[in-house]
């Protein structure tokens, strides 16, 4: 298997497909994979689910993929600095699965370790737990 590619487009060729789930690193606008996000945009893949701490901002980070409406669902802990995200979410074009920061980190860790489920006390004893 070839592990070195001349650019992000070549690295993603044949990998990025409609409907896939992608986990993107970064915190705010620090450490985000800008080059790969642009290559995903250029791939034209649609109906993507992104697992990421946040949804970028207008015009940067995952905000680039929101502009082209390639993201169908976000699994995040914070999305408050992106007006386009808010518009798409409130109009029903975009799904959101909110997770507290620690729960999101544990879901990622558990998934990587092959653990299908875990218990957290988040929400116990609140309206969230009802029903």
C-alpha atoms as a PDB file:
ATOM      1  CA  UNK A   1       0.000   0.000   0.000  1.00  0.00           C
ATOM      2  CA  UNK A   2       1.342   3.389  -0.992  1.00  0.00           C
ATOM      3  CA  UNK A   3       1.652   5.668   2.048  1.00  0.00           C
ATOM      4  CA  UNK A   4       3.167   8.795   0.525  1.00  0.00           C
ATOM      5  CA  UNK A   5       1.186  10.910  -1.946  1.00  0.00           C
ATOM      6  CA  UNK A   6       2.071  14.042  -3.891  1.00  0.00           C
ATOM      7  CA  UNK A   7      -0.963  15.951  -2.586  1.00  0.00           C
ATOM      8  CA  UNK A   8      -4.209  15.656  -0.608  1.00  0.00           C
ATOM      9  CA  UNK A   9      -6.307  15.007  -3.713  1.00  0.00           C
ATOM     10  CA  UNK A  10      -4.199  11.962  -4.580  1.00  0.00           C
ATOM     11  CA  UNK A  11      -4.313  10.724  -0.977  1.00  0.00           C
ATOM     12  CA  UNK A  12      -8.116  10.852  -0.941  1.00  0.00           C
ATOM     13  CA  UNK A  13      -8.700   9.447  -4.435  1.00  0.00           C
ATOM     14  CA  UNK A  14     -11.059   6.493  -4.197  1.00  0.00           C
ATOM     15  CA  UNK A  15     -11.440   6.943  -0.440  1.00  0.00           C
ATOM     16  CA  UNK A  16     -13.952   9.786  -0.007  1.00  0.00           C
ATOM     17  CA  UNK A  17     -17.490   8.723  -0.941  1.00  0.00           C
ATOM     18  CA  UNK A  18     -21.012  10.088  -0.556  1.00  0.00           C
ATOM     19  CA  UNK A  19     -22.559   9.361   2.833  1.00  0.00           C
ATOM     20  CA  UNK A  20     -19.362   8.541   4.683  1.00  0.00           C
ATOM     21  CA  UNK A  21     -18.453   9.559   8.227  1.00  0.00           C
ATOM     22  CA  UNK A  22     -15.220  11.495   8.699  1.00  0.00           C
ATOM     23  CA  UNK A  23     -13.551  12.538  11.940  1.00  0.00           C
ATOM     24  CA  UNK A  24     -11.668  15.834  11.670  1.00  0.00           C
ATOM     25  CA  UNK A  25      -9.150  17.022  14.220  1.00  0.00           C
ATOM     26  CA  UNK A  26      -8.562  20.471  15.549  1.00  0.00           C
ATOM     27  CA  UNK A  27      -9.827  22.726  18.276  1.00  0.00           C
ATOM     28  CA  UNK A  28     -11.402  25.950  17.106  1.00  0.00           C
ATOM     29  CA  UNK A  29      -9.257  26.928  14.137  1.00  0.00           C
ATOM     30  CA  UNK A  30      -6.077  25.420  15.587  1.00  0.00           C
ATOM     31  CA  UNK A  31      -4.776  22.142  14.215  1.00  0.00           C
ATOM     32  CA  UNK A  32      -7.502  21.696  11.612  1.00  0.00           C
ATOM     33  CA  UNK A  33      -6.663  19.742   8.437  1.00  0.00           C
ATOM     34  CA  UNK A  34      -7.204  22.625   5.993  1.00  0.00           C
ATOM     35  CA  UNK A  35      -5.620  20.902   3.006  1.00  0.00           C
ATOM     36  CA  UNK A  36      -7.676  17.738   3.473  1.00  0.00           C
ATOM     37  CA  UNK A  37     -10.894  19.717   4.007  1.00  0.00           C
ATOM     38  CA  UNK A  38     -10.268  21.500   0.706  1.00  0.00           C
ATOM     39  CA  UNK A  39      -9.581  18.152  -1.015  1.00  0.00           C
ATOM     40  CA  UNK A  40     -12.845  16.753   0.382  1.00  0.00           C
ATOM     41  CA  UNK A  41     -14.638  19.836  -0.955  1.00  0.00           C
ATOM     42  CA  UNK A  42     -13.051  19.330  -4.354  1.00  0.00           C
ATOM     43  CA  UNK A  43     -14.017  15.624  -4.359  1.00  0.00           C
ATOM     44  CA  UNK A  44     -17.679  16.621  -4.517  1.00  0.00           C
ATOM     45  CA  UNK A  45     -18.699  13.991  -1.936  1.00  0.00           C
ATOM     46  CA  UNK A  46     -22.093  14.767  -0.384  1.00  0.00           C
ATOM     47  CA  UNK A  47     -24.239  13.791   2.600  1.00  0.00           C
ATOM     48  CA  UNK A  48     -21.186  13.583   4.842  1.00  0.00           C
ATOM     49  CA  UNK A  49     -21.247  13.151   8.602  1.00  0.00           C
ATOM     50  CA  UNK A  50     -18.419  14.896  10.438  1.00  0.00           C
ATOM     51  CA  UNK A  51     -17.236  14.110  13.933  1.00  0.00           C
ATOM     52  CA  UNK A  52     -15.356  17.171  15.114  1.00  0.00           C
ATOM     53  CA  UNK A  53     -15.027  19.345  18.162  1.00  0.00           C
ATOM     54  CA  UNK A  54     -16.682  22.161  16.216  1.00  0.00           C
ATOM     55  CA  UNK A  55     -18.017  23.168  12.809  1.00  0.00           C
ATOM     56  CA  UNK A  56     -15.363  25.731  11.937  1.00  0.00           C
ATOM     57  CA  UNK A  57     -16.381  29.286  11.163  1.00  0.00           C
ATOM     58  CA  UNK A  58     -17.811  30.957   8.088  1.00  0.00           C
ATOM     59  CA  UNK A  59     -15.246  30.476   5.324  1.00  0.00           C
ATOM     60  CA  UNK A  60     -12.724  28.415   7.309  1.00  0.00           C
ATOM     61  CA  UNK A  61     -12.326  24.874   8.599  1.00  0.00           C
ATOM     62  CA  UNK A  62     -15.443  22.768   8.155  1.00  0.00           C
ATOM     63  CA  UNK A  63     -17.269  25.993   7.278  1.00  0.00           C
ATOM     64  CA  UNK A  64     -15.876  25.470   3.767  1.00  0.00           C
ATOM     65  CA  UNK A  65     -17.859  22.232   3.444  1.00  0.00           C
ATOM     66  CA  UNK A  66     -20.959  23.879   4.875  1.00  0.00           C
ATOM     67  CA  UNK A  67     -20.749  26.482   2.094  1.00  0.00           C
ATOM     68  CA  UNK A  68     -21.016  23.716  -0.512  1.00  0.00           C
ATOM     69  CA  UNK A  69     -23.673  21.865   1.538  1.00  0.00           C
ATOM     70  CA  UNK A  70     -21.598  18.689   1.592  1.00  0.00           C
ATOM     71  CA  UNK A  71     -22.157  18.080   5.324  1.00  0.00           C
ATOM     72  CA  UNK A  72     -25.456  16.419   6.259  1.00  0.00           C
ATOM     73  CA  UNK A  73     -24.734  15.809   9.958  1.00  0.00           C
ATOM     74  CA  UNK A  74     -22.349  17.109  12.618  1.00  0.00           C
ATOM     75  CA  UNK A  75     -21.386  15.255  15.785  1.00  0.00           C
ATOM     76  CA  UNK A  76     -19.798  18.004  17.877  1.00  0.00           C
ATOM     77  CA  UNK A  77     -19.417  19.604  21.259  1.00  0.00           C
ATOM     78  CA  UNK A  78     -19.478  23.234  20.076  1.00  0.00           C
ATOM     79  CA  UNK A  79     -20.874  24.930  16.968  1.00  0.00           C
ATOM     80  CA  UNK A  80     -21.477  28.509  18.125  1.00  0.00           C
ATOM     81  CA  UNK A  81     -19.223  30.539  15.832  1.00  0.00           C
ATOM     82  CA  UNK A  82     -20.647  29.648  12.441  1.00  0.00           C
ATOM     83  CA  UNK A  83     -23.630  31.623  11.123  1.00  0.00           C
ATOM     84  CA  UNK A  84     -24.022  29.357   8.089  1.00  0.00           C
ATOM     85  CA  UNK A  85     -24.171  26.318  10.365  1.00  0.00           C
ATOM     86  CA  UNK A  86     -26.941  27.968  12.371  1.00  0.00           C
ATOM     87  CA  UNK A  87     -28.916  28.811   9.220  1.00  0.00           C
ATOM     88  CA  UNK A  88     -28.640  25.271   7.836  1.00  0.00           C
ATOM     89  CA  UNK A  89     -29.488  23.664  11.176  1.00  0.00           C
ATOM     90  CA  UNK A  90     -32.490  25.896  11.865  1.00  0.00           C
ATOM     91  CA  UNK A  91     -33.850  25.313   8.339  1.00  0.00           C
ATOM     92  CA  UNK A  92     -33.591  21.515   8.744  1.00  0.00           C
ATOM     93  CA  UNK A  93     -30.852  21.064   6.132  1.00  0.00           C
ATOM     94  CA  UNK A  94     -28.287  19.901   8.698  1.00  0.00           C
ATOM     95  CA  UNK A  95     -28.513  17.413  11.565  1.00  0.00           C
ATOM     96  CA  UNK A  96     -26.684  17.956  14.835  1.00  0.00           C
ATOM     97  CA  UNK A  97     -25.743  15.492  17.530  1.00  0.00           C
ATOM     98  CA  UNK A  98     -24.436  17.489  20.480  1.00  0.00           C
ATOM     99  CA  UNK A  99     -22.082  15.890  22.972  1.00  0.00           C
ATOM    100  CA  UNK A 100     -20.400  17.399  26.010  1.00  0.00           C
ATOM    101  CA  UNK A 101     -16.653  17.745  25.331  1.00  0.00           C
ATOM    102  CA  UNK A 102     -15.653  14.888  27.644  1.00  0.00           C
ATOM    103  CA  UNK A 103     -18.356  12.590  26.306  1.00  0.00           C
ATOM    104  CA  UNK A 104     -17.290  13.249  22.732  1.00  0.00           C
ATOM    105  CA  UNK A 105     -13.668  12.455  23.622  1.00  0.00           C
ATOM    106  CA  UNK A 106     -14.724   9.250  25.388  1.00  0.00           C
ATOM    107  CA  UNK A 107     -16.934   8.173  22.478  1.00  0.00           C
ATOM    108  CA  UNK A 108     -13.971   8.579  20.153  1.00  0.00           C
ATOM    109  CA  UNK A 109     -11.635   6.722  22.527  1.00  0.00           C
ATOM    110  CA  UNK A 110     -14.119   3.914  23.144  1.00  0.00           C
ATOM    111  CA  UNK A 111     -14.869   3.528  19.449  1.00  0.00           C
ATOM    112  CA  UNK A 112     -11.171   3.286  18.665  1.00  0.00           C
ATOM    113  CA  UNK A 113     -10.813   0.604  21.334  1.00  0.00           C
ATOM    114  CA  UNK A 114     -13.759  -1.377  19.937  1.00  0.00           C
ATOM    115  CA  UNK A 115     -16.044  -0.596  22.875  1.00  0.00           C
ATOM    116  CA  UNK A 116     -19.581  -0.229  21.430  1.00  0.00           C
ATOM    117  CA  UNK A 117     -21.159   1.619  24.375  1.00  0.00           C
ATOM    118  CA  UNK A 118     -20.385   3.199  27.735  1.00  0.00           C
ATOM    119  CA  UNK A 119     -22.323   4.896  30.529  1.00  0.00           C
ATOM    120  CA  UNK A 120     -21.967   8.534  31.499  1.00  0.00           C
ATOM    121  CA  UNK A 121     -23.935  10.380  34.150  1.00  0.00           C
ATOM    122  CA  UNK A 122     -24.459  13.381  31.867  1.00  0.00           C
ATOM    123  CA  UNK A 123     -28.171  14.166  31.860  1.00  0.00           C
ATOM    124  CA  UNK A 124     -29.118  11.793  34.708  1.00  0.00           C
ATOM    125  CA  UNK A 125     -31.704  13.453  36.926  1.00  0.00           C
ATOM    126  CA  UNK A 126     -32.495  16.158  34.346  1.00  0.00           C
ATOM    127  CA  UNK A 127     -35.209  16.657  31.719  1.00  0.00           C
ATOM    128  CA  UNK A 128     -32.843  15.030  29.206  1.00  0.00           C
ATOM    129  CA  UNK A 129     -33.253  11.679  30.990  1.00  0.00           C
ATOM    130  CA  UNK A 130     -37.046  11.704  30.765  1.00  0.00           C
ATOM    131  CA  UNK A 131     -38.405   9.559  27.936  1.00  0.00           C
END
